[in-house]
Amino acid sequence: MIGSSLPSSVVDVMRIIFLMSAGGPTGQGLVFRVLDALDASHSGRILRLRLQSGEAPSIKSLRNAELRATGSDGESCRLRVMGFALFGGKPSNDRLARTGRIDVHIEEIDGGPIGLRWEVTPTGAASRNASPLRSLQRERSPGGSRLNVSRNQSR
């Protein structure tokens, strides 16, 4: 396995880059179903999502991700994940992988309001407010090669 000889932080960064290159911030084939939708107290909405198909993404890859919600009648809404609701417990990668559920605080960019049983999928476009993407570069040094994690200044 590739991760057996690399530090866990490098493996995590490589996994995020793989997921991002697979068609968006959270990968292809990823589908969430809306279990509950409520207005947030100050702005935005809270969506309780259940993973319908695909591998559970990391919590970090969901933050600031741009997603598309689609209703059964063909309605559509673009949304951005602003953060996570804590009333269901602190979100973690382990909890999301184990239960397949996550509560997200979202901003509806266009369309909406999002309703129950809508499907939520990645759009493949990074939010302009998202943190800079990380990339791996292989550098040659006198002692051999090493991986260098650097910030991509693509703003």
N, C-alpha and C. Protein backbone atom coordinates (compact mmCIF):
# COMPACT_ATOMS: atom_id res chain seq x y z
N MET A 1 0.83 -1.18 0.00
CA MET A 1 0.00 0.00 0.00
C MET A 1 0.88 1.24 0.00
N ILE A 2 0.46 2.28 -0.69
CA ILE A 2 1.27 3.47 -0.83
C ILE A 2 1.50 4.19 0.48
N GLY A 3 0.55 4.16 1.39
CA GLY A 3 0.65 4.91 2.63
C GLY A 3 1.51 4.25 3.70
N SER A 4 2.00 3.04 3.47
CA SER A 4 2.71 2.33 4.51
C SER A 4 4.07 2.95 4.82
N SER A 5 4.71 3.61 3.86
CA SER A 5 6.03 4.17 4.11
C SER A 5 6.02 5.70 4.23
N LEU A 6 4.88 6.34 4.04
CA LEU A 6 4.81 7.79 4.11
C LEU A 6 4.16 8.24 5.42
N PRO A 7 4.56 9.42 5.92
CA PRO A 7 3.89 9.94 7.12
C PRO A 7 2.40 10.16 6.85
N SER A 8 1.58 10.05 7.88
CA SER A 8 0.14 10.14 7.70
C SER A 8 -0.30 11.48 7.14
N SER A 9 0.38 12.58 7.48
CA SER A 9 -0.01 13.90 6.95
C SER A 9 0.16 13.95 5.44
N VAL A 10 1.22 13.33 4.92
CA VAL A 10 1.44 13.31 3.48
C VAL A 10 0.37 12.46 2.80
N VAL A 11 0.01 11.33 3.42
CA VAL A 11 -1.02 10.46 2.87
C VAL A 11 -2.35 11.21 2.84
N ASP A 12 -2.68 11.96 3.90
CA ASP A 12 -3.91 12.75 3.93
C ASP A 12 -3.95 13.77 2.80
N VAL A 13 -2.84 14.48 2.58
CA VAL A 13 -2.78 15.48 1.51
C VAL A 13 -2.92 14.80 0.16
N MET A 14 -2.27 13.65 -0.02
CA MET A 14 -2.36 12.94 -1.29
C MET A 14 -3.80 12.47 -1.53
N ARG A 15 -4.49 12.03 -0.49
CA ARG A 15 -5.89 11.58 -0.62
C ARG A 15 -6.79 12.74 -1.03
N ILE A 16 -6.60 13.91 -0.42
CA ILE A 16 -7.40 15.08 -0.76
C ILE A 16 -7.17 15.47 -2.21
N ILE A 17 -5.90 15.47 -2.64
CA ILE A 17 -5.59 15.82 -4.03
C ILE A 17 -6.22 14.81 -4.98
N PHE A 18 -6.16 13.52 -4.64
CA PHE A 18 -6.78 12.50 -5.48
C PHE A 18 -8.28 12.74 -5.59
N LEU A 19 -8.94 13.00 -4.46
CA LEU A 19 -10.39 13.24 -4.47
C LEU A 19 -10.72 14.47 -5.29
N MET A 20 -9.91 15.52 -5.17
CA MET A 20 -10.17 16.75 -5.92
C MET A 20 -9.97 16.53 -7.42
N SER A 21 -8.96 15.75 -7.79
CA SER A 21 -8.72 15.51 -9.21
C SER A 21 -9.74 14.54 -9.79
N ALA A 22 -10.50 13.88 -8.96
CA ALA A 22 -11.51 12.92 -9.42
C ALA A 22 -12.82 13.58 -9.78
N GLY A 23 -12.86 14.90 -9.85
CA GLY A 23 -14.08 15.56 -10.30
C GLY A 23 -14.68 16.53 -9.32
N GLY A 24 -13.90 17.13 -8.50
CA GLY A 24 -14.45 18.13 -7.58
C GLY A 24 -13.88 17.99 -6.21
N PRO A 25 -14.29 18.86 -5.31
CA PRO A 25 -13.72 18.85 -3.99
C PRO A 25 -14.02 17.59 -3.21
N THR A 26 -15.02 16.85 -3.57
CA THR A 26 -15.36 15.66 -2.83
C THR A 26 -15.42 14.40 -3.68
N GLY A 27 -15.02 14.44 -4.93
CA GLY A 27 -14.94 13.24 -5.75
C GLY A 27 -16.20 12.94 -6.55
N GLN A 28 -16.03 12.02 -7.52
CA GLN A 28 -17.15 11.61 -8.37
C GLN A 28 -17.94 10.50 -7.70
N GLY A 29 -19.20 10.37 -8.08
CA GLY A 29 -20.04 9.30 -7.57
C GLY A 29 -20.57 9.55 -6.18
N LEU A 30 -20.26 10.70 -5.61
CA LEU A 30 -20.69 11.03 -4.27
C LEU A 30 -22.08 11.63 -4.30
N VAL A 31 -23.00 11.04 -3.55
CA VAL A 31 -24.37 11.54 -3.48
C VAL A 31 -24.83 11.53 -2.04
N PHE A 32 -25.31 12.68 -1.56
CA PHE A 32 -25.94 12.78 -0.25
C PHE A 32 -27.43 12.96 -0.46
N ARG A 33 -28.23 12.53 0.51
CA ARG A 33 -29.69 12.76 0.51
C ARG A 33 -30.00 13.67 1.69
N VAL A 34 -30.86 14.68 1.47
CA VAL A 34 -31.25 15.61 2.53
C VAL A 34 -32.30 14.94 3.42
N LEU A 35 -31.96 14.76 4.70
CA LEU A 35 -32.89 14.18 5.66
C LEU A 35 -33.72 15.26 6.36
N ASP A 36 -33.11 16.44 6.54
CA ASP A 36 -33.80 17.53 7.21
C ASP A 36 -33.18 18.84 6.75
N ALA A 37 -33.97 19.88 6.64
CA ALA A 37 -33.50 21.21 6.22
C ALA A 37 -34.16 22.25 7.10
N LEU A 38 -33.37 23.06 7.77
CA LEU A 38 -33.92 24.11 8.63
C LEU A 38 -33.17 25.41 8.44
N ASP A 39 -33.84 26.52 8.75
CA ASP A 39 -33.19 27.82 8.68
C ASP A 39 -32.23 27.94 9.85
N ALA A 40 -31.03 28.47 9.57
CA ALA A 40 -30.06 28.73 10.64
C ALA A 40 -30.45 30.02 11.35
N SER A 41 -29.98 30.18 12.56
CA SER A 41 -30.43 31.31 13.38
C SER A 41 -30.03 32.67 12.83
N HIS A 42 -28.86 32.84 12.25
CA HIS A 42 -28.43 34.16 11.78
C HIS A 42 -28.38 34.27 10.26
N SER A 43 -27.91 33.23 9.60
CA SER A 43 -27.87 33.25 8.14
C SER A 43 -27.72 31.83 7.63
N GLY A 44 -28.13 31.62 6.39
CA GLY A 44 -27.98 30.32 5.77
C GLY A 44 -28.99 29.30 6.27
N ARG A 45 -28.67 28.04 6.00
CA ARG A 45 -29.54 26.93 6.40
C ARG A 45 -28.70 25.80 6.93
N ILE A 46 -29.33 24.93 7.69
CA ILE A 46 -28.69 23.71 8.20
C ILE A 46 -29.31 22.53 7.46
N LEU A 47 -28.47 21.70 6.85
CA LEU A 47 -28.94 20.49 6.18
C LEU A 47 -28.39 19.28 6.92
N ARG A 48 -29.26 18.35 7.21
CA ARG A 48 -28.83 17.05 7.75
C ARG A 48 -28.75 16.12 6.55
N LEU A 49 -27.55 15.64 6.25
CA LEU A 49 -27.31 14.83 5.04
C LEU A 49 -26.96 13.40 5.42
N ARG A 50 -27.39 12.47 4.55
CA ARG A 50 -27.01 11.07 4.68
C ARG A 50 -26.29 10.66 3.40
N LEU A 51 -25.15 10.01 3.53
CA LEU A 51 -24.38 9.55 2.38
C LEU A 51 -25.16 8.45 1.67
N GLN A 52 -25.54 8.70 0.42
CA GLN A 52 -26.33 7.76 -0.37
C GLN A 52 -25.42 6.81 -1.15
N SER A 53 -24.38 7.37 -1.79
CA SER A 53 -23.44 6.53 -2.55
C SER A 53 -22.09 7.23 -2.62
N GLY A 54 -21.07 6.44 -2.87
CA GLY A 54 -19.71 6.97 -2.93
C GLY A 54 -19.02 6.79 -1.59
N GLU A 55 -17.71 7.06 -1.59
CA GLU A 55 -16.90 6.95 -0.37
C GLU A 55 -17.03 8.23 0.44
N ALA A 56 -17.11 8.10 1.74
CA ALA A 56 -17.25 9.26 2.62
C ALA A 56 -16.05 10.19 2.43
N PRO A 57 -16.30 11.46 2.11
CA PRO A 57 -15.20 12.42 1.95
C PRO A 57 -14.68 12.85 3.32
N SER A 58 -13.53 13.50 3.33
CA SER A 58 -13.02 14.03 4.59
C SER A 58 -13.79 15.30 4.95
N ILE A 59 -13.85 15.60 6.23
CA ILE A 59 -14.52 16.80 6.70
C ILE A 59 -13.82 18.03 6.10
N LYS A 60 -12.50 17.99 6.05
CA LYS A 60 -11.73 19.11 5.51
C LYS A 60 -12.08 19.39 4.05
N SER A 61 -12.32 18.34 3.27
CA SER A 61 -12.64 18.54 1.86
C SER A 61 -14.05 19.09 1.66
N LEU A 62 -14.92 18.92 2.64
CA LEU A 62 -16.28 19.46 2.53
C LEU A 62 -16.35 20.94 2.88
N ARG A 63 -15.45 21.41 3.76
CA ARG A 63 -15.48 22.81 4.17
C ARG A 63 -15.25 23.72 2.95
N ASN A 64 -16.12 24.69 2.75
CA ASN A 64 -16.09 25.63 1.62
C ASN A 64 -16.35 24.97 0.27
N ALA A 65 -16.77 23.71 0.26
CA ALA A 65 -17.05 23.02 -0.99
C ALA A 65 -18.32 23.59 -1.63
N GLU A 66 -18.34 23.62 -2.93
CA GLU A 66 -19.53 24.04 -3.66
C GLU A 66 -20.24 22.78 -4.15
N LEU A 67 -21.53 22.69 -3.84
CA LEU A 67 -22.32 21.51 -4.15
C LEU A 67 -23.57 21.90 -4.92
N ARG A 68 -24.23 20.92 -5.52
CA ARG A 68 -25.50 21.15 -6.20
C ARG A 68 -26.55 20.24 -5.61
N ALA A 69 -27.68 20.84 -5.24
CA ALA A 69 -28.82 20.07 -4.73
C ALA A 69 -29.88 20.01 -5.81
N THR A 70 -30.47 18.83 -6.01
CA THR A 70 -31.48 18.64 -7.04
C THR A 70 -32.71 17.99 -6.42
N GLY A 71 -33.88 18.58 -6.67
CA GLY A 71 -35.14 18.05 -6.16
C GLY A 71 -35.73 17.03 -7.11
N SER A 72 -36.76 16.34 -6.65
CA SER A 72 -37.39 15.29 -7.47
C SER A 72 -38.13 15.87 -8.67
N ASP A 73 -38.57 17.13 -8.59
CA ASP A 73 -39.27 17.77 -9.71
C ASP A 73 -38.33 18.48 -10.68
N GLY A 74 -37.01 18.33 -10.49
CA GLY A 74 -36.04 18.95 -11.38
C GLY A 74 -35.53 20.29 -10.89
N GLU A 75 -36.02 20.79 -9.73
CA GLU A 75 -35.49 22.04 -9.20
C GLU A 75 -34.02 21.82 -8.86
N SER A 76 -33.27 22.91 -8.90
CA SER A 76 -31.84 22.80 -8.64
C SER A 76 -31.36 24.02 -7.85
N CYS A 77 -30.33 23.83 -7.06
CA CYS A 77 -29.79 24.91 -6.24
C CYS A 77 -28.29 24.67 -6.04
N ARG A 78 -27.50 25.71 -6.29
CA ARG A 78 -26.07 25.64 -5.96
C ARG A 78 -25.91 26.11 -4.52
N LEU A 79 -25.01 25.47 -3.79
CA LEU A 79 -24.81 25.84 -2.39
C LEU A 79 -23.34 25.73 -2.04
N ARG A 80 -22.97 26.44 -0.96
CA ARG A 80 -21.60 26.40 -0.46
C ARG A 80 -21.66 26.02 1.01
N VAL A 81 -20.81 25.08 1.40
CA VAL A 81 -20.73 24.65 2.80
C VAL A 81 -19.93 25.69 3.58
N MET A 82 -20.59 26.35 4.54
CA MET A 82 -19.93 27.37 5.36
C MET A 82 -19.30 26.77 6.61
N GLY A 83 -19.85 25.67 7.08
CA GLY A 83 -19.34 25.04 8.30
C GLY A 83 -20.20 23.85 8.65
N PHE A 84 -20.13 23.45 9.90
CA PHE A 84 -20.82 22.25 10.35
C PHE A 84 -21.62 22.54 11.61
N ALA A 85 -22.82 21.99 11.67
CA ALA A 85 -23.65 22.12 12.86
C ALA A 85 -23.16 21.13 13.90
N LEU A 86 -23.16 21.55 15.16
CA LEU A 86 -22.62 20.69 16.22
C LEU A 86 -23.69 19.97 17.01
N PHE A 87 -24.98 20.24 16.76
CA PHE A 87 -26.00 19.62 17.58
C PHE A 87 -26.11 18.11 17.37
N GLY A 88 -25.53 17.57 16.32
CA GLY A 88 -25.51 16.12 16.11
C GLY A 88 -24.23 15.49 16.61
N GLY A 89 -23.38 16.28 17.27
CA GLY A 89 -22.08 15.81 17.71
C GLY A 89 -20.99 16.42 16.85
N LYS A 90 -19.79 16.49 17.38
CA LYS A 90 -18.68 17.08 16.64
C LYS A 90 -18.40 16.25 15.38
N PRO A 91 -18.38 16.90 14.22
CA PRO A 91 -18.12 16.14 12.98
C PRO A 91 -16.68 15.65 12.92
N SER A 92 -16.51 14.43 12.48
CA SER A 92 -15.17 13.87 12.29
C SER A 92 -15.21 12.91 11.10
N ASN A 93 -14.04 12.67 10.55
CA ASN A 93 -13.95 11.74 9.42
C ASN A 93 -14.45 10.36 9.81
N ASP A 94 -14.09 9.92 11.02
CA ASP A 94 -14.51 8.61 11.51
C ASP A 94 -16.03 8.52 11.63
N ARG A 95 -16.65 9.55 12.22
CA ARG A 95 -18.10 9.54 12.40
C ARG A 95 -18.81 9.53 11.06
N LEU A 96 -18.33 10.35 10.10
CA LEU A 96 -18.96 10.38 8.78
C LEU A 96 -18.83 9.04 8.06
N ALA A 97 -17.65 8.42 8.15
CA ALA A 97 -17.46 7.10 7.52
C ALA A 97 -18.31 6.02 8.18
N ARG A 98 -18.45 6.11 9.51
CA ARG A 98 -19.19 5.09 10.26
C ARG A 98 -20.70 5.23 10.10
N THR A 99 -21.23 6.46 10.24
CA THR A 99 -22.68 6.66 10.23
C THR A 99 -23.22 7.11 8.87
N GLY A 100 -22.36 7.76 8.06
CA GLY A 100 -22.80 8.28 6.77
C GLY A 100 -23.66 9.53 6.90
N ARG A 101 -23.64 10.17 8.08
CA ARG A 101 -24.46 11.37 8.30
C ARG A 101 -23.61 12.55 8.72
N ILE A 102 -24.02 13.72 8.26
CA ILE A 102 -23.32 14.97 8.61
C ILE A 102 -24.32 16.11 8.56
N ASP A 103 -24.18 17.05 9.48
CA ASP A 103 -25.01 18.25 9.52
C ASP A 103 -24.15 19.42 9.04
N VAL A 104 -24.56 20.06 7.95
CA VAL A 104 -23.77 21.15 7.38
C VAL A 104 -24.54 22.47 7.44
N HIS A 105 -23.79 23.54 7.64
CA HIS A 105 -24.33 24.90 7.59
C HIS A 105 -24.01 25.42 6.20
N ILE A 106 -25.04 25.74 5.42
CA ILE A 106 -24.82 26.08 4.02
C ILE A 106 -25.36 27.48 3.69
N GLU A 107 -24.85 27.99 2.58
CA GLU A 107 -25.35 29.22 1.98
C GLU A 107 -25.87 28.84 0.60
N GLU A 108 -27.12 29.17 0.31
CA GLU A 108 -27.69 28.88 -1.01
C GLU A 108 -27.22 29.98 -1.97
N ILE A 109 -26.46 29.61 -2.99
CA ILE A 109 -25.90 30.58 -3.92
C ILE A 109 -26.95 31.01 -4.94
N ASP A 110 -27.61 30.06 -5.56
CA ASP A 110 -28.72 30.37 -6.46
C ASP A 110 -29.75 29.25 -6.38
N GLY A 111 -30.99 29.60 -6.58
CA GLY A 111 -32.06 28.61 -6.46
C GLY A 111 -32.47 28.47 -5.01
N GLY A 112 -33.21 27.40 -4.73
CA GLY A 112 -33.61 27.12 -3.36
C GLY A 112 -35.04 27.54 -3.10
N PRO A 113 -35.57 27.33 -1.96
CA PRO A 113 -34.92 26.67 -0.82
C PRO A 113 -34.86 25.16 -1.01
N ILE A 114 -33.83 24.57 -0.44
CA ILE A 114 -33.62 23.12 -0.52
C ILE A 114 -34.61 22.43 0.40
N GLY A 115 -35.21 21.35 -0.10
CA GLY A 115 -36.21 20.62 0.67
C GLY A 115 -35.77 19.22 1.03
N LEU A 116 -36.65 18.52 1.69
CA LEU A 116 -36.39 17.14 2.10
C LEU A 116 -36.26 16.24 0.87
N ARG A 117 -35.43 15.22 1.00
CA ARG A 117 -35.21 14.19 -0.02
C ARG A 117 -34.52 14.68 -1.28
N TRP A 118 -33.98 15.90 -1.27
CA TRP A 118 -33.19 16.37 -2.40
C TRP A 118 -31.87 15.62 -2.40
N GLU A 119 -31.26 15.48 -3.59
CA GLU A 119 -29.94 14.86 -3.71
C GLU A 119 -28.90 15.97 -3.79
N VAL A 120 -27.80 15.79 -3.08
CA VAL A 120 -26.71 16.77 -3.06
C VAL A 120 -25.47 16.09 -3.61
N THR A 121 -24.86 16.72 -4.63
CA THR A 121 -23.67 16.17 -5.30
C THR A 121 -22.64 17.27 -5.48
N PRO A 122 -21.36 16.92 -5.65
CA PRO A 122 -20.33 17.93 -5.90
C PRO A 122 -20.51 18.56 -7.28
N THR A 123 -20.16 19.84 -7.40
CA THR A 123 -20.26 20.52 -8.70
C THR A 123 -18.99 20.43 -9.50
N GLY A 124 -17.86 20.23 -8.83
CA GLY A 124 -16.59 20.20 -9.53
C GLY A 124 -15.93 21.55 -9.60
N ALA A 125 -16.60 22.60 -9.13
CA ALA A 125 -16.02 23.94 -9.13
C ALA A 125 -15.68 24.31 -7.70
N ALA A 126 -14.47 24.80 -7.51
CA ALA A 126 -14.07 25.23 -6.18
C ALA A 126 -14.66 26.61 -5.90
N SER A 127 -15.03 26.83 -4.70
CA SER A 127 -15.58 28.12 -4.31
C SER A 127 -14.49 29.17 -4.36
N ARG A 128 -14.83 30.38 -4.76
CA ARG A 128 -13.81 31.43 -4.82
C ARG A 128 -13.37 31.84 -3.44
N ASN A 129 -14.16 31.53 -2.42
CA ASN A 129 -13.79 31.85 -1.05
C ASN A 129 -13.09 30.70 -0.36
N ALA A 130 -12.89 29.60 -1.08
CA ALA A 130 -12.26 28.43 -0.47
C ALA A 130 -10.79 28.69 -0.19
N SER A 131 -10.24 27.95 0.75
CA SER A 131 -8.82 28.09 1.03
C SER A 131 -8.04 27.60 -0.18
N PRO A 132 -6.81 28.10 -0.37
CA PRO A 132 -6.01 27.69 -1.54
C PRO A 132 -5.81 26.19 -1.56
N LEU A 133 -5.83 25.63 -2.76
CA LEU A 133 -5.61 24.20 -2.91
C LEU A 133 -4.17 23.86 -2.58
N ARG A 134 -4.00 22.69 -2.03
CA ARG A 134 -2.64 22.25 -1.75
C ARG A 134 -2.20 21.32 -2.88
N SER A 135 -0.93 21.40 -3.22
CA SER A 135 -0.41 20.51 -4.25
C SER A 135 0.89 19.90 -3.77
N LEU A 136 1.21 18.74 -4.31
CA LEU A 136 2.46 18.07 -3.97
C LEU A 136 3.44 18.29 -5.11
N GLN A 137 4.65 18.61 -4.76
CA GLN A 137 5.70 18.75 -5.76
C GLN A 137 6.85 17.86 -5.34
N ARG A 138 7.42 17.15 -6.29
CA ARG A 138 8.57 16.31 -5.98
C ARG A 138 9.82 17.13 -6.25
N GLU A 139 10.66 17.25 -5.22
CA GLU A 139 11.90 18.00 -5.34
C GLU A 139 13.08 17.05 -5.25
N ARG A 140 14.09 17.34 -6.00
CA ARG A 140 15.33 16.56 -5.94
C ARG A 140 16.29 17.27 -4.99
N SER A 141 16.84 16.54 -4.10
CA SER A 141 17.84 17.09 -3.19
C SER A 141 19.05 16.17 -3.24
N PRO A 142 20.19 16.64 -2.74
CA PRO A 142 21.39 15.81 -2.80
C PRO A 142 21.21 14.44 -2.15
N GLY A 143 20.36 14.34 -1.13
CA GLY A 143 20.16 13.07 -0.43
C GLY A 143 19.07 12.21 -1.04
N GLY A 144 18.50 12.58 -2.17
CA GLY A 144 17.41 11.81 -2.76
C GLY A 144 16.22 12.72 -3.02
N SER A 145 15.09 12.13 -3.21
CA SER A 145 13.90 12.95 -3.49
C SER A 145 13.05 13.04 -2.24
N ARG A 146 12.27 14.09 -2.16
CA ARG A 146 11.36 14.25 -1.03
C ARG A 146 10.10 14.93 -1.54
N LEU A 147 9.02 14.77 -0.80
CA LEU A 147 7.77 15.42 -1.14
C LEU A 147 7.70 16.77 -0.45
N ASN A 148 7.30 17.79 -1.19
CA ASN A 148 7.18 19.12 -0.62
C ASN A 148 5.73 19.57 -0.78
N VAL A 149 5.08 19.89 0.31
CA VAL A 149 3.71 20.38 0.28
C VAL A 149 3.76 21.88 0.19
N SER A 150 3.16 22.44 -0.87
CA SER A 150 3.17 23.90 -1.03
C SER A 150 1.79 24.39 -1.36
N ARG A 151 1.54 25.66 -1.07
CA ARG A 151 0.24 26.26 -1.38
C ARG A 151 0.23 26.72 -2.83
N ASN A 152 -0.88 26.45 -3.49
CA ASN A 152 -1.08 26.87 -4.87
C ASN A 152 -1.71 28.25 -4.85
N GLN A 153 -1.03 29.24 -5.36
CA GLN A 153 -1.51 30.62 -5.35
C GLN A 153 -2.33 30.88 -6.61
N SER A 154 -3.50 30.28 -6.71
CA SER A 154 -4.32 30.37 -7.94
C SER A 154 -5.45 31.37 -7.83
N ARG A 155 -5.40 32.28 -6.91
CA ARG A 155 -6.50 33.25 -6.76
C ARG A 155 -6.39 34.36 -7.76
